[in-house]
């Protein structure tokens, strides 16, 4: 229930945590492939729990927020984030 509601239906046979995460990441990439999708619904924005490999990953001990996280946030913070969907990358 913590995963973003981006799955229309599960296409694989396995519903374990690892396989579900892979499927969700694949759907998110397809959903955001052309940049910022129009009409991001409030259900997606209200999903505030952070999930590793979905909302962030850890690189050299630092948290790096993903394109998806910034999209859910709904606006640019102005810090020049690596995965900024709003065109404010450093």
N, C-alpha and C. Protein backbone atom coordinates (compact mmCIF):
# COMPACT_ATOMS: atom_id res chain seq x y z
N UNK A 1 0.81 -1.20 0.00
CA UNK A 1 0.00 0.00 0.00
C UNK A 1 0.86 1.28 0.00
N UNK A 2 2.15 1.15 0.30
CA UNK A 2 3.02 2.32 0.33
C UNK A 2 3.51 2.73 -1.05
N UNK A 3 3.41 1.85 -2.02
CA UNK A 3 3.89 2.17 -3.35
C UNK A 3 2.94 3.14 -4.05
N UNK A 4 3.48 3.96 -4.97
CA UNK A 4 2.62 4.89 -5.70
C UNK A 4 1.56 4.15 -6.50
N UNK A 5 0.39 4.71 -6.62
CA UNK A 5 -0.70 4.04 -7.34
C UNK A 5 -0.56 4.20 -8.86
N UNK A 6 0.50 3.62 -9.42
CA UNK A 6 0.77 3.75 -10.85
C UNK A 6 0.53 2.44 -11.60
N UNK A 7 0.19 1.40 -10.91
CA UNK A 7 0.00 0.11 -11.57
C UNK A 7 -1.46 -0.08 -11.95
N UNK A 8 -1.70 -0.20 -13.26
CA UNK A 8 -3.06 -0.51 -13.68
C UNK A 8 -3.37 -1.96 -13.34
N UNK A 9 -2.40 -2.81 -13.61
CA UNK A 9 -2.51 -4.21 -13.25
C UNK A 9 -1.12 -4.80 -13.19
N UNK A 10 -0.96 -5.79 -12.39
CA UNK A 10 0.33 -6.45 -12.26
C UNK A 10 0.50 -7.38 -13.45
N UNK A 11 1.63 -7.26 -14.14
CA UNK A 11 1.84 -8.08 -15.32
C UNK A 11 2.65 -9.34 -15.04
N UNK A 12 3.39 -9.36 -13.96
CA UNK A 12 4.20 -10.52 -13.63
C UNK A 12 3.49 -11.48 -12.70
N UNK A 13 4.09 -12.62 -12.53
CA UNK A 13 3.52 -13.63 -11.64
C UNK A 13 3.88 -13.39 -10.18
N UNK A 14 5.00 -12.76 -9.95
CA UNK A 14 5.50 -12.61 -8.58
C UNK A 14 5.08 -11.27 -7.99
N UNK A 15 4.65 -11.29 -6.74
CA UNK A 15 4.24 -10.07 -6.05
C UNK A 15 5.13 -9.79 -4.84
N UNK A 16 6.34 -10.38 -4.83
CA UNK A 16 7.25 -10.12 -3.71
C UNK A 16 7.69 -8.66 -3.75
N UNK A 17 8.24 -8.18 -2.66
CA UNK A 17 8.67 -6.77 -2.54
C UNK A 17 9.63 -6.37 -3.66
N UNK A 18 10.60 -7.22 -3.94
CA UNK A 18 11.62 -6.91 -4.94
C UNK A 18 10.99 -6.78 -6.34
N UNK A 19 10.16 -7.73 -6.73
CA UNK A 19 9.53 -7.71 -8.06
C UNK A 19 8.53 -6.56 -8.18
N UNK A 20 7.80 -6.28 -7.12
CA UNK A 20 6.84 -5.18 -7.13
C UNK A 20 7.57 -3.85 -7.31
N UNK A 21 8.69 -3.67 -6.63
CA UNK A 21 9.47 -2.44 -6.75
C UNK A 21 9.98 -2.26 -8.18
N UNK A 22 10.44 -3.34 -8.80
CA UNK A 22 10.90 -3.27 -10.19
C UNK A 22 9.76 -2.86 -11.11
N UNK A 23 8.59 -3.43 -10.92
CA UNK A 23 7.44 -3.11 -11.76
C UNK A 23 6.99 -1.66 -11.56
N UNK A 24 6.98 -1.19 -10.33
CA UNK A 24 6.59 0.19 -10.04
C UNK A 24 7.59 1.15 -10.69
N UNK A 25 8.89 0.87 -10.56
CA UNK A 25 9.90 1.73 -11.18
C UNK A 25 9.73 1.77 -12.69
N UNK A 26 9.42 0.64 -13.30
CA UNK A 26 9.21 0.58 -14.74
C UNK A 26 8.01 1.43 -15.16
N UNK A 27 6.93 1.34 -14.40
CA UNK A 27 5.72 2.12 -14.69
C UNK A 27 5.98 3.62 -14.51
N UNK A 28 6.72 3.99 -13.47
CA UNK A 28 7.04 5.40 -13.22
C UNK A 28 7.88 5.94 -14.38
N UNK A 29 8.87 5.18 -14.83
CA UNK A 29 9.71 5.62 -15.94
C UNK A 29 8.88 5.84 -17.20
N UNK A 30 7.95 4.94 -17.47
CA UNK A 30 7.08 5.10 -18.64
C UNK A 30 6.17 6.32 -18.47
N UNK A 31 5.67 6.52 -17.26
CA UNK A 31 4.76 7.62 -16.96
C UNK A 31 5.43 8.98 -17.11
N UNK A 32 6.71 9.05 -16.75
CA UNK A 32 7.43 10.33 -16.73
C UNK A 32 8.41 10.47 -17.89
N UNK A 33 8.37 9.57 -18.84
CA UNK A 33 9.35 9.54 -19.93
C UNK A 33 9.45 10.84 -20.70
N UNK A 34 8.37 11.51 -20.92
CA UNK A 34 8.40 12.74 -21.70
C UNK A 34 8.40 13.99 -20.82
N UNK A 35 8.87 13.86 -19.60
CA UNK A 35 8.93 15.01 -18.70
C UNK A 35 7.81 14.99 -17.68
N UNK A 36 7.27 16.15 -17.39
CA UNK A 36 6.24 16.28 -16.37
C UNK A 36 4.88 15.90 -16.97
N UNK A 37 4.28 14.80 -16.49
CA UNK A 37 2.97 14.43 -17.02
C UNK A 37 1.91 15.43 -16.58
N UNK A 38 0.92 15.64 -17.43
CA UNK A 38 -0.16 16.54 -17.05
C UNK A 38 -1.13 15.80 -16.14
N UNK A 39 -1.75 16.53 -15.24
CA UNK A 39 -2.78 15.97 -14.38
C UNK A 39 -2.30 14.98 -13.34
N UNK A 40 -1.20 15.25 -12.68
CA UNK A 40 -0.76 14.37 -11.60
C UNK A 40 -1.82 14.47 -10.51
N UNK A 41 -2.44 13.36 -10.21
CA UNK A 41 -3.56 13.42 -9.27
C UNK A 41 -3.11 13.55 -7.82
N UNK A 42 -4.01 13.99 -7.00
CA UNK A 42 -3.71 14.25 -5.59
C UNK A 42 -3.35 12.98 -4.83
N UNK A 43 -3.85 11.84 -5.28
CA UNK A 43 -3.52 10.58 -4.61
C UNK A 43 -2.02 10.30 -4.70
N UNK A 44 -1.44 10.59 -5.85
CA UNK A 44 0.01 10.40 -6.01
C UNK A 44 0.76 11.42 -5.17
N UNK A 45 0.34 12.67 -5.21
CA UNK A 45 1.02 13.72 -4.43
C UNK A 45 0.90 13.48 -2.93
N UNK A 46 -0.18 12.86 -2.49
CA UNK A 46 -0.39 12.68 -1.06
C UNK A 46 0.37 11.48 -0.50
N UNK A 47 0.99 10.69 -1.35
CA UNK A 47 1.78 9.55 -0.90
C UNK A 47 3.10 10.09 -0.36
N UNK A 48 3.17 10.34 0.94
CA UNK A 48 4.31 11.05 1.52
C UNK A 48 5.41 10.14 2.06
N UNK A 49 5.14 8.86 2.18
CA UNK A 49 6.18 7.95 2.68
C UNK A 49 7.26 7.80 1.61
N UNK A 50 8.52 7.96 2.01
CA UNK A 50 9.63 7.85 1.08
C UNK A 50 10.07 6.40 0.95
N UNK A 51 10.22 5.94 -0.28
CA UNK A 51 10.62 4.57 -0.55
C UNK A 51 11.97 4.57 -1.26
N UNK A 52 12.90 3.80 -0.72
CA UNK A 52 14.22 3.70 -1.34
C UNK A 52 14.08 3.12 -2.74
N UNK A 53 14.83 3.64 -3.67
CA UNK A 53 14.85 3.27 -5.09
C UNK A 53 13.62 3.76 -5.86
N UNK A 54 12.64 4.33 -5.18
CA UNK A 54 11.49 4.93 -5.84
C UNK A 54 11.59 6.45 -5.68
N UNK A 55 11.69 6.91 -4.45
CA UNK A 55 11.78 8.35 -4.16
C UNK A 55 13.21 8.83 -3.98
N UNK A 56 14.11 7.96 -3.63
CA UNK A 56 15.50 8.34 -3.41
C UNK A 56 16.39 7.11 -3.55
N UNK A 57 17.68 7.37 -3.69
CA UNK A 57 18.68 6.32 -3.58
C UNK A 57 19.85 6.91 -2.80
N UNK A 58 20.70 6.05 -2.31
CA UNK A 58 21.83 6.50 -1.50
C UNK A 58 23.11 6.36 -2.32
N UNK A 59 23.84 7.46 -2.42
CA UNK A 59 25.09 7.49 -3.19
C UNK A 59 26.18 8.09 -2.31
N UNK A 60 27.21 7.32 -2.05
CA UNK A 60 28.32 7.77 -1.18
C UNK A 60 27.82 8.27 0.16
N UNK A 61 26.82 7.60 0.71
CA UNK A 61 26.28 7.96 2.02
C UNK A 61 25.30 9.12 2.01
N UNK A 62 25.01 9.68 0.85
CA UNK A 62 24.10 10.81 0.74
C UNK A 62 22.81 10.39 0.05
N UNK A 63 21.71 10.98 0.47
CA UNK A 63 20.42 10.72 -0.15
C UNK A 63 20.30 11.56 -1.42
N UNK A 64 19.94 10.92 -2.52
CA UNK A 64 19.72 11.61 -3.78
C UNK A 64 18.25 11.39 -4.15
N UNK A 65 17.50 12.48 -4.24
CA UNK A 65 16.08 12.37 -4.55
C UNK A 65 15.88 12.20 -6.05
N UNK A 66 14.91 11.37 -6.42
CA UNK A 66 14.65 11.04 -7.81
C UNK A 66 13.72 12.05 -8.48
N UNK A 67 13.64 11.94 -9.79
CA UNK A 67 12.70 12.72 -10.59
C UNK A 67 11.30 12.56 -10.03
N UNK A 68 10.93 11.33 -9.69
CA UNK A 68 9.59 11.01 -9.15
C UNK A 68 9.32 11.77 -7.85
N UNK A 69 10.30 11.80 -6.94
CA UNK A 69 10.13 12.51 -5.67
C UNK A 69 9.84 13.99 -5.92
N UNK A 70 10.64 14.59 -6.79
CA UNK A 70 10.45 16.02 -7.07
C UNK A 70 9.11 16.29 -7.73
N UNK A 71 8.68 15.38 -8.58
CA UNK A 71 7.38 15.51 -9.23
C UNK A 71 6.27 15.47 -8.20
N UNK A 72 6.35 14.53 -7.25
CA UNK A 72 5.35 14.43 -6.18
C UNK A 72 5.36 15.68 -5.32
N UNK A 73 6.54 16.25 -5.12
CA UNK A 73 6.67 17.46 -4.29
C UNK A 73 5.85 18.60 -4.88
N UNK A 74 5.84 18.69 -6.21
CA UNK A 74 4.96 19.64 -6.88
C UNK A 74 5.55 20.98 -7.25
N UNK A 75 6.76 21.26 -6.82
CA UNK A 75 7.39 22.53 -7.19
C UNK A 75 8.90 22.42 -7.01
N UNK A 76 9.60 23.36 -7.60
CA UNK A 76 11.06 23.38 -7.51
C UNK A 76 11.48 24.04 -6.20
N UNK A 77 12.49 23.45 -5.56
CA UNK A 77 13.00 24.03 -4.31
C UNK A 77 14.08 25.07 -4.57
N UNK A 78 14.61 25.11 -5.80
CA UNK A 78 15.62 26.09 -6.16
C UNK A 78 17.04 25.71 -5.79
N UNK A 79 17.27 24.46 -5.37
CA UNK A 79 18.60 24.03 -4.96
C UNK A 79 19.41 23.40 -6.08
N UNK A 80 18.88 23.35 -7.29
CA UNK A 80 19.62 22.78 -8.41
C UNK A 80 19.80 21.27 -8.30
N UNK A 81 18.78 20.57 -7.88
CA UNK A 81 18.86 19.12 -7.66
C UNK A 81 19.17 18.37 -8.95
N UNK A 82 19.90 17.28 -8.84
CA UNK A 82 20.33 16.47 -9.97
C UNK A 82 19.17 16.00 -10.84
N UNK A 83 18.07 15.60 -10.23
CA UNK A 83 16.94 15.04 -10.97
C UNK A 83 15.73 15.98 -11.02
N UNK A 84 15.99 17.27 -11.01
CA UNK A 84 14.90 18.27 -11.02
C UNK A 84 14.10 18.19 -12.31
N UNK A 85 12.79 17.96 -12.23
CA UNK A 85 11.96 17.95 -13.44
C UNK A 85 11.58 19.35 -13.90
N UNK A 86 11.93 20.36 -13.12
CA UNK A 86 11.51 21.72 -13.42
C UNK A 86 12.60 22.55 -14.12
N UNK A 87 13.69 21.90 -14.55
CA UNK A 87 14.71 22.58 -15.32
C UNK A 87 15.69 23.40 -14.51
N UNK A 88 15.84 23.12 -13.23
CA UNK A 88 16.72 23.91 -12.38
C UNK A 88 17.89 23.05 -11.89
N UNK A 89 18.48 22.23 -12.78
CA UNK A 89 19.60 21.38 -12.41
C UNK A 89 20.88 22.18 -12.37
N UNK A 90 21.81 21.78 -11.52
CA UNK A 90 23.13 22.45 -11.46
C UNK A 90 23.99 21.98 -12.60
